[in-house]
């Protein structure tokens, strides 16, 4: 119920301002938690194109990392999480997802 509500609110925010990077960051996270990696990629990459130097850009990289984990692309996930750490070195979620903590099951 809450997930469906968050998707509705996200769409409402984008209907008010389709260029709002914050709404796009949060949309990417909503879809990451819902398991929709295609939507994660769309919203996160769009947010980064609109506002590449935003202080919240690490959120887009974190969402892309989560989407890559869902697709079992662990090397890509490590790259996205590394970009998140680089974008905001003080972010606790980014630090907990440092690439050194991610290893492919085949390695």
N, C-alpha and C. Protein backbone atom coordinates (compact mmCIF):
# COMPACT_ATOMS: atom_id res chain seq x y z
N UNK A 1 0.82 -1.19 0.00
CA UNK A 1 0.00 0.00 0.00
C UNK A 1 0.86 1.26 0.00
N UNK A 2 1.89 1.28 0.89
CA UNK A 2 2.75 2.46 0.97
C UNK A 2 3.57 2.63 -0.30
N UNK A 3 4.00 1.50 -0.90
CA UNK A 3 4.77 1.59 -2.13
C UNK A 3 3.94 2.16 -3.26
N UNK A 4 2.71 1.71 -3.37
CA UNK A 4 1.83 2.23 -4.41
C UNK A 4 1.59 3.72 -4.20
N UNK A 5 1.40 4.11 -2.95
CA UNK A 5 1.19 5.52 -2.63
C UNK A 5 2.41 6.36 -2.99
N UNK A 6 3.60 5.82 -2.72
CA UNK A 6 4.81 6.58 -3.03
C UNK A 6 4.95 6.76 -4.55
N UNK A 7 4.56 5.76 -5.33
CA UNK A 7 4.62 5.90 -6.79
C UNK A 7 3.65 6.97 -7.27
N UNK A 8 2.47 7.02 -6.67
CA UNK A 8 1.47 8.03 -7.03
C UNK A 8 1.99 9.42 -6.69
N UNK A 9 2.56 9.57 -5.50
CA UNK A 9 3.08 10.88 -5.09
C UNK A 9 4.26 11.30 -5.96
N UNK A 10 5.07 10.34 -6.34
CA UNK A 10 6.21 10.64 -7.21
C UNK A 10 5.71 11.15 -8.56
N UNK A 11 4.74 10.48 -9.13
CA UNK A 11 4.19 10.92 -10.41
C UNK A 11 3.54 12.30 -10.29
N UNK A 12 2.92 12.56 -9.16
CA UNK A 12 2.31 13.88 -8.94
C UNK A 12 3.38 14.96 -8.89
N UNK A 13 4.48 14.68 -8.20
CA UNK A 13 5.57 15.66 -8.12
C UNK A 13 6.14 15.94 -9.51
N UNK A 14 6.31 14.90 -10.31
CA UNK A 14 6.83 15.11 -11.66
C UNK A 14 5.84 15.81 -12.57
N UNK A 15 4.55 15.64 -12.30
CA UNK A 15 3.56 16.36 -13.11
C UNK A 15 3.61 17.86 -12.82
N UNK A 16 3.99 18.22 -11.60
CA UNK A 16 4.12 19.63 -11.24
C UNK A 16 5.40 20.23 -11.80
N UNK A 17 6.48 19.46 -11.81
CA UNK A 17 7.76 19.93 -12.35
C UNK A 17 8.55 18.73 -12.84
N UNK A 18 8.51 18.49 -14.12
CA UNK A 18 9.17 17.31 -14.69
C UNK A 18 10.69 17.42 -14.70
N UNK A 19 11.22 18.60 -14.39
CA UNK A 19 12.67 18.79 -14.35
C UNK A 19 13.21 18.88 -12.94
N UNK A 20 12.45 18.42 -11.97
CA UNK A 20 12.88 18.47 -10.57
C UNK A 20 13.80 17.28 -10.30
N UNK A 21 15.08 17.57 -10.16
CA UNK A 21 16.06 16.50 -9.95
C UNK A 21 15.78 15.72 -8.67
N UNK A 22 15.35 16.41 -7.62
CA UNK A 22 15.08 15.72 -6.35
C UNK A 22 13.96 14.70 -6.53
N UNK A 23 12.91 15.07 -7.25
CA UNK A 23 11.81 14.13 -7.51
C UNK A 23 12.32 12.95 -8.33
N UNK A 24 13.23 13.21 -9.24
CA UNK A 24 13.79 12.12 -10.04
C UNK A 24 14.68 11.21 -9.20
N UNK A 25 15.47 11.79 -8.29
CA UNK A 25 16.29 10.96 -7.39
C UNK A 25 15.41 10.04 -6.56
N UNK A 26 14.37 10.64 -5.95
CA UNK A 26 13.50 9.83 -5.11
C UNK A 26 12.71 8.81 -5.94
N UNK A 27 12.35 9.18 -7.16
CA UNK A 27 11.68 8.23 -8.03
C UNK A 27 12.56 7.03 -8.33
N UNK A 28 13.84 7.30 -8.54
CA UNK A 28 14.78 6.21 -8.79
C UNK A 28 14.83 5.27 -7.59
N UNK A 29 14.85 5.83 -6.40
CA UNK A 29 14.88 4.99 -5.19
C UNK A 29 13.58 4.23 -5.00
N UNK A 30 12.46 4.86 -5.25
CA UNK A 30 11.17 4.18 -5.14
C UNK A 30 11.16 2.95 -6.05
N UNK A 31 11.60 3.13 -7.28
CA UNK A 31 11.60 2.02 -8.23
C UNK A 31 12.66 0.99 -7.88
N UNK A 32 13.76 1.42 -7.27
CA UNK A 32 14.77 0.45 -6.82
C UNK A 32 14.19 -0.47 -5.76
N UNK A 33 13.44 0.10 -4.83
CA UNK A 33 12.85 -0.72 -3.77
C UNK A 33 11.69 -1.56 -4.28
N UNK A 34 11.11 -1.15 -5.42
CA UNK A 34 10.04 -1.94 -6.03
C UNK A 34 10.58 -2.98 -7.01
N UNK A 35 11.90 -2.96 -7.25
CA UNK A 35 12.51 -3.95 -8.13
C UNK A 35 12.40 -3.65 -9.61
N UNK A 36 12.16 -2.41 -9.97
CA UNK A 36 12.01 -2.01 -11.37
C UNK A 36 13.29 -1.32 -11.83
N UNK A 37 14.29 -2.10 -12.22
CA UNK A 37 15.60 -1.55 -12.54
C UNK A 37 15.60 -0.68 -13.80
N UNK A 38 14.69 -0.93 -14.73
CA UNK A 38 14.62 -0.09 -15.93
C UNK A 38 14.20 1.33 -15.56
N UNK A 39 13.22 1.46 -14.68
CA UNK A 39 12.77 2.78 -14.24
C UNK A 39 13.85 3.45 -13.39
N UNK A 40 14.58 2.67 -12.61
CA UNK A 40 15.69 3.22 -11.81
C UNK A 40 16.68 3.90 -12.74
N UNK A 41 17.08 3.20 -13.77
CA UNK A 41 18.05 3.73 -14.71
C UNK A 41 17.52 4.99 -15.38
N UNK A 42 16.28 4.97 -15.81
CA UNK A 42 15.69 6.13 -16.49
C UNK A 42 15.69 7.36 -15.59
N UNK A 43 15.14 7.22 -14.39
CA UNK A 43 15.01 8.38 -13.50
C UNK A 43 16.36 8.87 -13.00
N UNK A 44 17.25 7.97 -12.62
CA UNK A 44 18.55 8.38 -12.09
C UNK A 44 19.40 9.06 -13.16
N UNK A 45 19.44 8.49 -14.34
CA UNK A 45 20.24 9.09 -15.42
C UNK A 45 19.66 10.43 -15.86
N UNK A 46 18.34 10.53 -15.86
CA UNK A 46 17.71 11.81 -16.22
C UNK A 46 18.05 12.88 -15.19
N UNK A 47 18.01 12.52 -13.91
CA UNK A 47 18.35 13.46 -12.85
C UNK A 47 19.80 13.92 -12.98
N UNK A 48 20.70 12.99 -13.29
CA UNK A 48 22.11 13.35 -13.44
C UNK A 48 22.33 14.24 -14.66
N UNK A 49 21.56 14.02 -15.72
CA UNK A 49 21.68 14.90 -16.90
C UNK A 49 21.19 16.31 -16.57
N UNK A 50 20.09 16.40 -15.82
CA UNK A 50 19.51 17.70 -15.49
C UNK A 50 20.35 18.48 -14.48
N UNK A 51 20.95 17.77 -13.54
CA UNK A 51 21.66 18.43 -12.46
C UNK A 51 22.89 17.64 -12.04
N UNK A 52 23.92 17.63 -12.87
CA UNK A 52 25.08 16.77 -12.59
C UNK A 52 25.90 17.18 -11.36
N UNK A 53 25.82 18.44 -10.96
CA UNK A 53 26.63 18.91 -9.83
C UNK A 53 25.81 19.12 -8.57
N UNK A 54 24.60 18.59 -8.55
CA UNK A 54 23.73 18.69 -7.39
C UNK A 54 24.36 17.96 -6.21
N UNK A 55 24.21 18.52 -5.02
CA UNK A 55 24.78 17.86 -3.83
C UNK A 55 24.09 16.53 -3.53
N UNK A 56 22.92 16.31 -4.10
CA UNK A 56 22.21 15.05 -3.90
C UNK A 56 22.46 14.05 -5.04
N UNK A 57 23.39 14.35 -5.92
CA UNK A 57 23.62 13.45 -7.05
C UNK A 57 24.06 12.06 -6.61
N UNK A 58 24.62 11.96 -5.40
CA UNK A 58 25.01 10.63 -4.90
C UNK A 58 23.81 9.71 -4.78
N UNK A 59 22.61 10.28 -4.57
CA UNK A 59 21.40 9.47 -4.50
C UNK A 59 21.13 8.75 -5.82
N UNK A 60 21.38 9.43 -6.92
CA UNK A 60 21.18 8.80 -8.23
C UNK A 60 22.15 7.64 -8.41
N UNK A 61 23.40 7.85 -8.01
CA UNK A 61 24.39 6.77 -8.13
C UNK A 61 24.05 5.59 -7.21
N UNK A 62 23.57 5.90 -6.01
CA UNK A 62 23.15 4.82 -5.10
C UNK A 62 21.99 4.02 -5.70
N UNK A 63 21.02 4.72 -6.28
CA UNK A 63 19.88 4.03 -6.89
C UNK A 63 20.35 3.17 -8.06
N UNK A 64 21.25 3.70 -8.87
CA UNK A 64 21.79 2.91 -9.99
C UNK A 64 22.52 1.67 -9.47
N UNK A 65 23.23 1.82 -8.36
CA UNK A 65 23.89 0.68 -7.74
C UNK A 65 22.91 -0.37 -7.28
N UNK A 66 21.83 0.07 -6.66
CA UNK A 66 20.79 -0.88 -6.21
C UNK A 66 20.17 -1.61 -7.39
N UNK A 67 19.92 -0.87 -8.47
CA UNK A 67 19.36 -1.50 -9.67
C UNK A 67 20.30 -2.54 -10.26
N UNK A 68 21.59 -2.23 -10.25
CA UNK A 68 22.58 -3.18 -10.77
C UNK A 68 22.66 -4.43 -9.89
N UNK A 69 22.54 -4.26 -8.58
CA UNK A 69 22.54 -5.42 -7.67
C UNK A 69 21.34 -6.31 -7.97
N UNK A 70 20.20 -5.70 -8.22
CA UNK A 70 19.00 -6.49 -8.52
C UNK A 70 19.16 -7.29 -9.80
N UNK A 71 19.95 -6.78 -10.71
CA UNK A 71 20.20 -7.49 -11.96
C UNK A 71 21.43 -8.39 -11.88
N UNK A 72 22.00 -8.51 -10.68
CA UNK A 72 23.20 -9.33 -10.43
C UNK A 72 24.40 -8.86 -11.25
N UNK A 73 24.47 -7.57 -11.51
CA UNK A 73 25.62 -6.97 -12.20
C UNK A 73 26.49 -6.29 -11.12
N UNK A 74 27.22 -7.09 -10.39
CA UNK A 74 27.92 -6.61 -9.21
C UNK A 74 29.08 -5.67 -9.53
N UNK A 75 29.74 -5.88 -10.66
CA UNK A 75 30.82 -4.97 -11.05
C UNK A 75 30.26 -3.58 -11.35
N UNK A 76 29.13 -3.52 -12.05
CA UNK A 76 28.47 -2.25 -12.32
C UNK A 76 28.00 -1.61 -11.02
N UNK A 77 27.48 -2.42 -10.12
CA UNK A 77 27.03 -1.89 -8.83
C UNK A 77 28.18 -1.25 -8.08
N UNK A 78 29.32 -1.92 -8.09
CA UNK A 78 30.50 -1.38 -7.41
C UNK A 78 30.91 -0.05 -8.01
N UNK A 79 30.83 0.07 -9.33
CA UNK A 79 31.17 1.32 -10.00
C UNK A 79 30.21 2.44 -9.60
N UNK A 80 28.91 2.13 -9.59
CA UNK A 80 27.92 3.15 -9.21
C UNK A 80 28.09 3.57 -7.75
N UNK A 81 28.34 2.61 -6.88
CA UNK A 81 28.55 2.96 -5.47
C UNK A 81 29.83 3.77 -5.28
N UNK A 82 30.86 3.47 -6.08
CA UNK A 82 32.09 4.27 -6.02
C UNK A 82 31.82 5.70 -6.47
N UNK A 83 31.00 5.85 -7.50
CA UNK A 83 30.62 7.19 -7.95
C UNK A 83 29.83 7.93 -6.88
N UNK A 84 29.00 7.20 -6.14
CA UNK A 84 28.23 7.83 -5.06
C UNK A 84 29.16 8.33 -3.95
N UNK A 85 30.15 7.53 -3.61
CA UNK A 85 31.12 7.94 -2.59
C UNK A 85 31.89 9.16 -3.07
N UNK A 86 32.27 9.16 -4.34
CA UNK A 86 33.01 10.28 -4.89
C UNK A 86 32.14 11.55 -4.91
N UNK A 87 30.85 11.40 -5.20
CA UNK A 87 29.96 12.56 -5.25
C UNK A 87 29.70 13.14 -3.87
N UNK A 88 29.71 12.30 -2.85
CA UNK A 88 29.46 12.78 -1.49
C UNK A 88 30.19 11.86 -0.52
N UNK A 89 31.37 12.27 -0.12
CA UNK A 89 32.19 11.42 0.74
C UNK A 89 31.65 11.30 2.15
N UNK A 90 30.68 12.11 2.52
CA UNK A 90 30.12 12.07 3.87
C UNK A 90 28.81 11.30 3.97
N UNK A 91 28.39 10.71 2.89
CA UNK A 91 27.12 9.98 2.88
C UNK A 91 27.28 8.62 3.52
N UNK A 92 26.57 8.37 4.59
CA UNK A 92 26.64 7.08 5.28
C UNK A 92 26.23 5.92 4.39
N UNK A 93 25.10 6.02 3.61
CA UNK A 93 24.77 4.89 2.73
C UNK A 93 25.83 4.63 1.69
N UNK A 94 26.44 5.68 1.18
CA UNK A 94 27.48 5.50 0.17
C UNK A 94 28.71 4.82 0.77
N UNK A 95 29.08 5.23 1.96
CA UNK A 95 30.25 4.65 2.61
C UNK A 95 30.03 3.17 2.90
N UNK A 96 28.82 2.81 3.28
CA UNK A 96 28.55 1.40 3.60
C UNK A 96 28.54 0.54 2.35
N UNK A 97 28.47 1.16 1.18
CA UNK A 97 28.44 0.42 -0.07
C UNK A 97 29.71 0.63 -0.87
N UNK A 98 30.83 0.84 -0.19
CA UNK A 98 32.09 1.03 -0.90
C UNK A 98 32.39 -0.18 -1.78
N UNK A 99 32.98 0.06 -2.93
CA UNK A 99 33.25 -1.05 -3.86
C UNK A 99 34.07 -2.17 -3.26
N UNK A 100 34.94 -1.86 -2.31
CA UNK A 100 35.76 -2.92 -1.71
C UNK A 100 34.91 -3.94 -0.97
N UNK A 101 33.68 -3.59 -0.66
CA UNK A 101 32.78 -4.52 0.02
C UNK A 101 31.98 -5.38 -0.94
N UNK A 102 32.07 -5.05 -2.23
CA UNK A 102 31.30 -5.79 -3.23
C UNK A 102 32.22 -6.69 -4.03
N UNK A 103 31.94 -7.92 -4.00
CA UNK A 103 32.69 -8.89 -4.78
C UNK A 103 31.70 -9.78 -5.52
N UNK A 104 32.01 -10.06 -6.74
CA UNK A 104 31.18 -10.97 -7.52
C UNK A 104 31.23 -12.35 -6.90
N UNK A 105 30.12 -13.09 -6.88
CA UNK A 105 30.12 -14.44 -6.31
C UNK A 105 31.09 -15.36 -7.03
N UNK A 106 31.46 -15.04 -8.28
CA UNK A 106 32.39 -15.86 -9.04
C UNK A 106 33.84 -15.60 -8.69
N UNK A 107 34.10 -14.46 -8.00
CA UNK A 107 35.49 -14.08 -7.71
C UNK A 107 36.08 -14.90 -6.59
